[in-house]
């Protein structure tokens, strides 16, 4: 049983590594933090499985645990800051980010300006490539709530873009 669960964990992580990394990178903003968080997650889950702790839906559990680990790391950063939409209007003037860091800064600034529950659904859907059904399972919310959080978050972002263009 343990070997099968360990094999399943390894298989899921290998299949989802690109999405897990992209999700963690866009949450944390640093390549090394994203890699470390995924590695720590894998080791932690592997230890749980070896200890005989059963995990019902491993794939969803991985994303839920990654989300939690990213949130904890962000909370522990002393340099964390809250950015208001009013303070980032200058970012809208640039048509396209010139590199990945600029893209991250713009996206993260926008997502920090909307409620956490909406930004988390947007991150899971766009960066984690999760369906709304999977997001609902990961966050333990109804599918309709996941969809509405995504919709309202996107609408808020669109309004800010429209204000900036005026």
C-alpha atoms as a PDB file:
ATOM      1  CA  UNK A   1       0.000   0.000   0.000  1.00  0.00           C
ATOM      2  CA  UNK A   2       2.773   2.451   0.941  1.00  0.00           C
ATOM      3  CA  UNK A   3       4.728   1.687  -2.218  1.00  0.00           C
ATOM      4  CA  UNK A   4       1.647   2.184  -4.388  1.00  0.00           C
ATOM      5  CA  UNK A   5       0.849   5.507  -2.678  1.00  0.00           C
ATOM      6  CA  UNK A   6       4.467   6.649  -3.007  1.00  0.00           C
ATOM      7  CA  UNK A   7       4.456   5.711  -6.688  1.00  0.00           C
ATOM      8  CA  UNK A   8       1.185   7.594  -7.159  1.00  0.00           C
ATOM      9  CA  UNK A   9       2.661  10.661  -5.451  1.00  0.00           C
ATOM     10  CA  UNK A  10       5.752  10.564  -7.660  1.00  0.00           C
ATOM     11  CA  UNK A  11       3.635  10.105 -10.792  1.00  0.00           C
ATOM     12  CA  UNK A  12       1.319  13.014  -9.945  1.00  0.00           C
ATOM     13  CA  UNK A  13       4.205  15.337  -9.091  1.00  0.00           C
ATOM     14  CA  UNK A  14       5.993  14.449 -12.331  1.00  0.00           C
ATOM     15  CA  UNK A  15       2.829  14.994 -14.384  1.00  0.00           C
ATOM     16  CA  UNK A  16       1.925  18.222 -12.621  1.00  0.00           C
ATOM     17  CA  UNK A  17       5.414  19.634 -12.034  1.00  0.00           C
ATOM     18  CA  UNK A  18       5.124  22.360 -14.671  1.00  0.00           C
ATOM     19  CA  UNK A  19       1.769  23.558 -13.298  1.00  0.00           C
ATOM     20  CA  UNK A  20       2.902  23.245  -9.683  1.00  0.00           C
ATOM     21  CA  UNK A  21       6.027  25.260 -10.423  1.00  0.00           C
ATOM     22  CA  UNK A  22       4.153  27.944 -12.379  1.00  0.00           C
ATOM     23  CA  UNK A  23       1.577  28.244  -9.609  1.00  0.00           C
ATOM     24  CA  UNK A  24       4.246  28.497  -6.872  1.00  0.00           C
ATOM     25  CA  UNK A  25       6.345  30.929  -8.921  1.00  0.00           C
ATOM     26  CA  UNK A  26       3.445  33.284  -9.495  1.00  0.00           C
ATOM     27  CA  UNK A  27       2.485  33.098  -5.833  1.00  0.00           C
ATOM     28  CA  UNK A  28       5.998  33.590  -4.464  1.00  0.00           C
ATOM     29  CA  UNK A  29       7.727  35.603  -7.165  1.00  0.00           C
ATOM     30  CA  UNK A  30      11.059  33.864  -6.829  1.00  0.00           C
ATOM     31  CA  UNK A  31      12.331  30.826  -8.703  1.00  0.00           C
ATOM     32  CA  UNK A  32      14.270  29.404  -5.768  1.00  0.00           C
ATOM     33  CA  UNK A  33      11.339  29.789  -3.359  1.00  0.00           C
ATOM     34  CA  UNK A  34       9.027  28.032  -5.834  1.00  0.00           C
ATOM     35  CA  UNK A  35      11.454  25.138  -6.300  1.00  0.00           C
ATOM     36  CA  UNK A  36      12.110  24.841  -2.561  1.00  0.00           C
ATOM     37  CA  UNK A  37       8.411  24.899  -1.719  1.00  0.00           C
ATOM     38  CA  UNK A  38       7.638  22.121  -4.205  1.00  0.00           C
ATOM     39  CA  UNK A  39      10.557  20.036  -2.954  1.00  0.00           C
ATOM     40  CA  UNK A  40       9.502  20.530   0.681  1.00  0.00           C
ATOM     41  CA  UNK A  41       5.948  19.594  -0.241  1.00  0.00           C
ATOM     42  CA  UNK A  42       7.066  16.397  -1.952  1.00  0.00           C
ATOM     43  CA  UNK A  43       9.252  15.372   1.007  1.00  0.00           C
ATOM     44  CA  UNK A  44       6.476  16.168   3.477  1.00  0.00           C
ATOM     45  CA  UNK A  45       3.861  14.189   1.548  1.00  0.00           C
ATOM     46  CA  UNK A  46       6.267  11.302   1.041  1.00  0.00           C
ATOM     47  CA  UNK A  47       6.871  11.214   4.807  1.00  0.00           C
ATOM     48  CA  UNK A  48       3.136  11.219   5.509  1.00  0.00           C
ATOM     49  CA  UNK A  49       2.594   8.319   3.151  1.00  0.00           C
ATOM     50  CA  UNK A  50       5.503   6.376   4.648  1.00  0.00           C
ATOM     51  CA  UNK A  51       4.024   6.986   8.110  1.00  0.00           C
ATOM     52  CA  UNK A  52       0.795   5.376   6.945  1.00  0.00           C
ATOM     53  CA  UNK A  53      -1.313   8.530   6.842  1.00  0.00           C
ATOM     54  CA  UNK A  54      -3.888   8.084   4.117  1.00  0.00           C
ATOM     55  CA  UNK A  55      -4.688  10.892   1.723  1.00  0.00           C
ATOM     56  CA  UNK A  56      -8.015  10.522  -0.030  1.00  0.00           C
ATOM     57  CA  UNK A  57      -7.524  12.581  -3.205  1.00  0.00           C
ATOM     58  CA  UNK A  58      -3.794  13.014  -3.569  1.00  0.00           C
ATOM     59  CA  UNK A  59      -3.815  15.368  -6.563  1.00  0.00           C
ATOM     60  CA  UNK A  60      -6.149  17.862  -4.908  1.00  0.00           C
ATOM     61  CA  UNK A  61      -4.329  17.492  -1.618  1.00  0.00           C
ATOM     62  CA  UNK A  62      -1.046  18.422  -3.342  1.00  0.00           C
ATOM     63  CA  UNK A  63      -2.503  21.684  -4.664  1.00  0.00           C
ATOM     64  CA  UNK A  64      -4.198  22.504  -1.354  1.00  0.00           C
ATOM     65  CA  UNK A  65      -0.945  21.847   0.521  1.00  0.00           C
ATOM     66  CA  UNK A  66       1.057  23.899  -2.003  1.00  0.00           C
ATOM     67  CA  UNK A  67      -1.381  26.777  -1.647  1.00  0.00           C
ATOM     68  CA  UNK A  68      -1.077  26.619   2.135  1.00  0.00           C
ATOM     69  CA  UNK A  69       2.728  26.408   2.019  1.00  0.00           C
ATOM     70  CA  UNK A  70       2.932  29.405  -0.318  1.00  0.00           C
ATOM     71  CA  UNK A  71       0.612  31.411   1.911  1.00  0.00           C
ATOM     72  CA  UNK A  72       2.669  30.590   5.000  1.00  0.00           C
ATOM     73  CA  UNK A  73       5.911  31.540   3.285  1.00  0.00           C
ATOM     74  CA  UNK A  74       4.446  34.832   2.117  1.00  0.00           C
ATOM     75  CA  UNK A  75       3.176  35.627   5.607  1.00  0.00           C
ATOM     76  CA  UNK A  76       6.612  34.989   7.067  1.00  0.00           C
ATOM     77  CA  UNK A  77       8.416  37.297   4.675  1.00  0.00           C
ATOM     78  CA  UNK A  78       9.386  40.506   6.374  1.00  0.00           C
ATOM     79  CA  UNK A  79       9.480  42.366   3.091  1.00  0.00           C
ATOM     80  CA  UNK A  80       5.860  41.629   2.221  1.00  0.00           C
ATOM     81  CA  UNK A  81       3.763  44.622   1.388  1.00  0.00           C
ATOM     82  CA  UNK A  82       0.223  45.427   0.392  1.00  0.00           C
ATOM     83  CA  UNK A  83      -0.222  47.333  -2.841  1.00  0.00           C
ATOM     84  CA  UNK A  84      -3.282  49.410  -3.590  1.00  0.00           C
ATOM     85  CA  UNK A  85      -4.764  49.462  -7.087  1.00  0.00           C
ATOM     86  CA  UNK A  86      -4.352  53.264  -7.001  1.00  0.00           C
ATOM     87  CA  UNK A  87      -0.591  52.864  -6.604  1.00  0.00           C
ATOM     88  CA  UNK A  88      -0.093  50.615  -9.614  1.00  0.00           C
ATOM     89  CA  UNK A  89      -1.865  52.525 -12.368  1.00  0.00           C
ATOM     90  CA  UNK A  90       1.473  53.326 -13.972  1.00  0.00           C
ATOM     91  CA  UNK A  91       1.893  49.606 -14.695  1.00  0.00           C
ATOM     92  CA  UNK A  92      -1.115  49.659 -17.001  1.00  0.00           C
ATOM     93  CA  UNK A  93       0.533  52.118 -19.361  1.00  0.00           C
ATOM     94  CA  UNK A  94       2.972  49.490 -20.575  1.00  0.00           C
ATOM     95  CA  UNK A  95       1.388  47.399 -23.293  1.00  0.00           C
ATOM     96  CA  UNK A  96       3.279  44.208 -22.539  1.00  0.00           C
ATOM     97  CA  UNK A  97       5.781  43.218 -19.909  1.00  0.00           C
ATOM     98  CA  UNK A  98       9.335  43.084 -21.252  1.00  0.00           C
ATOM     99  CA  UNK A  99      10.317  40.047 -19.258  1.00  0.00           C
ATOM    100  CA  UNK A 100       9.052  37.476 -16.793  1.00  0.00           C
ATOM    101  CA  UNK A 101       9.866  39.623 -13.751  1.00  0.00           C
ATOM    102  CA  UNK A 102       7.850  42.555 -15.077  1.00  0.00           C
ATOM    103  CA  UNK A 103       4.979  40.222 -15.915  1.00  0.00           C
ATOM    104  CA  UNK A 104       5.098  38.748 -12.422  1.00  0.00           C
ATOM    105  CA  UNK A 105       5.175  42.199 -10.813  1.00  0.00           C
ATOM    106  CA  UNK A 106       2.197  43.400 -12.821  1.00  0.00           C
ATOM    107  CA  UNK A 107       0.117  40.265 -12.286  1.00  0.00           C
ATOM    108  CA  UNK A 108       0.974  39.974  -8.610  1.00  0.00           C
ATOM    109  CA  UNK A 109       0.214  43.653  -7.994  1.00  0.00           C
ATOM    110  CA  UNK A 110      -3.173  43.264  -9.621  1.00  0.00           C
ATOM    111  CA  UNK A 111      -3.997  40.077  -7.738  1.00  0.00           C
ATOM    112  CA  UNK A 112      -2.918  41.585  -4.410  1.00  0.00           C
ATOM    113  CA  UNK A 113      -5.415  44.365  -4.953  1.00  0.00           C
ATOM    114  CA  UNK A 114      -8.445  42.062  -5.084  1.00  0.00           C
ATOM    115  CA  UNK A 115      -9.758  39.844  -2.273  1.00  0.00           C
ATOM    116  CA  UNK A 116      -7.589  36.811  -1.469  1.00  0.00           C
ATOM    117  CA  UNK A 117     -10.350  34.296  -2.131  1.00  0.00           C
ATOM    118  CA  UNK A 118     -10.787  35.672  -5.657  1.00  0.00           C
ATOM    119  CA  UNK A 119      -7.077  35.909  -6.427  1.00  0.00           C
ATOM    120  CA  UNK A 120      -6.496  32.349  -5.207  1.00  0.00           C
ATOM    121  CA  UNK A 121      -9.121  30.974  -7.606  1.00  0.00           C
ATOM    122  CA  UNK A 122      -7.640  33.012 -10.472  1.00  0.00           C
ATOM    123  CA  UNK A 123      -4.131  31.735  -9.681  1.00  0.00           C
ATOM    124  CA  UNK A 124      -5.254  28.116  -9.489  1.00  0.00           C
ATOM    125  CA  UNK A 125      -7.209  28.394 -12.737  1.00  0.00           C
ATOM    126  CA  UNK A 126      -4.672  30.336 -14.788  1.00  0.00           C
ATOM    127  CA  UNK A 127      -1.296  29.441 -13.311  1.00  0.00           C
ATOM    128  CA  UNK A 128      -2.178  26.033 -11.912  1.00  0.00           C
ATOM    129  CA  UNK A 129      -4.263  25.026 -14.937  1.00  0.00           C
ATOM    130  CA  UNK A 130      -6.966  23.638 -12.644  1.00  0.00           C
ATOM    131  CA  UNK A 131     -10.598  23.292 -13.672  1.00  0.00           C
ATOM    132  CA  UNK A 132     -13.296  24.868 -11.527  1.00  0.00           C
ATOM    133  CA  UNK A 133     -14.294  21.417 -10.281  1.00  0.00           C
ATOM    134  CA  UNK A 134     -10.707  20.781  -9.170  1.00  0.00           C
ATOM    135  CA  UNK A 135     -10.456  24.258  -7.610  1.00  0.00           C
ATOM    136  CA  UNK A 136     -13.663  23.625  -5.681  1.00  0.00           C
ATOM    137  CA  UNK A 137     -12.241  20.379  -4.331  1.00  0.00           C
ATOM    138  CA  UNK A 138      -8.862  21.941  -3.497  1.00  0.00           C
ATOM    139  CA  UNK A 139     -10.385  24.891  -1.650  1.00  0.00           C
ATOM    140  CA  UNK A 140     -13.280  22.836  -0.286  1.00  0.00           C
ATOM    141  CA  UNK A 141     -15.913  25.182  -1.681  1.00  0.00           C
ATOM    142  CA  UNK A 142     -18.869  24.631  -4.046  1.00  0.00           C
ATOM    143  CA  UNK A 143     -18.094  24.738  -7.778  1.00  0.00           C
ATOM    144  CA  UNK A 144     -20.460  27.679  -8.207  1.00  0.00           C
ATOM    145  CA  UNK A 145     -18.502  29.618  -5.577  1.00  0.00           C
ATOM    146  CA  UNK A 146     -15.231  28.915  -7.392  1.00  0.00           C
ATOM    147  CA  UNK A 147     -16.745  30.127 -10.662  1.00  0.00           C
ATOM    148  CA  UNK A 148     -18.239  33.257  -9.117  1.00  0.00           C
ATOM    149  CA  UNK A 149     -14.987  34.148  -7.331  1.00  0.00           C
ATOM    150  CA  UNK A 150     -13.168  33.846 -10.651  1.00  0.00           C
ATOM    151  CA  UNK A 151     -15.803  35.895 -12.470  1.00  0.00           C
ATOM    152  CA  UNK A 152     -15.933  38.701  -9.891  1.00  0.00           C
ATOM    153  CA  UNK A 153     -12.151  38.822  -9.605  1.00  0.00           C
ATOM    154  CA  UNK A 154     -11.747  39.127 -13.374  1.00  0.00           C
ATOM    155  CA  UNK A 155     -14.471  41.789 -13.502  1.00  0.00           C
ATOM    156  CA  UNK A 156     -12.627  43.836 -10.861  1.00  0.00           C
ATOM    157  CA  UNK A 157      -9.407  43.555 -12.818  1.00  0.00           C
ATOM    158  CA  UNK A 158     -11.173  44.624 -16.051  1.00  0.00           C
ATOM    159  CA  UNK A 159     -12.681  47.673 -14.305  1.00  0.00           C
ATOM    160  CA  UNK A 160      -9.221  48.714 -13.142  1.00  0.00           C
ATOM    161  CA  UNK A 161      -7.857  48.389 -16.671  1.00  0.00           C
ATOM    162  CA  UNK A 162     -10.742  50.488 -18.005  1.00  0.00           C
ATOM    163  CA  UNK A 163     -10.139  53.161 -15.348  1.00  0.00           C
ATOM    164  CA  UNK A 164      -6.471  53.265 -16.233  1.00  0.00           C
ATOM    165  CA  UNK A 165      -7.224  53.674 -19.945  1.00  0.00           C
ATOM    166  CA  UNK A 166      -9.551  56.632 -19.310  1.00  0.00           C
END
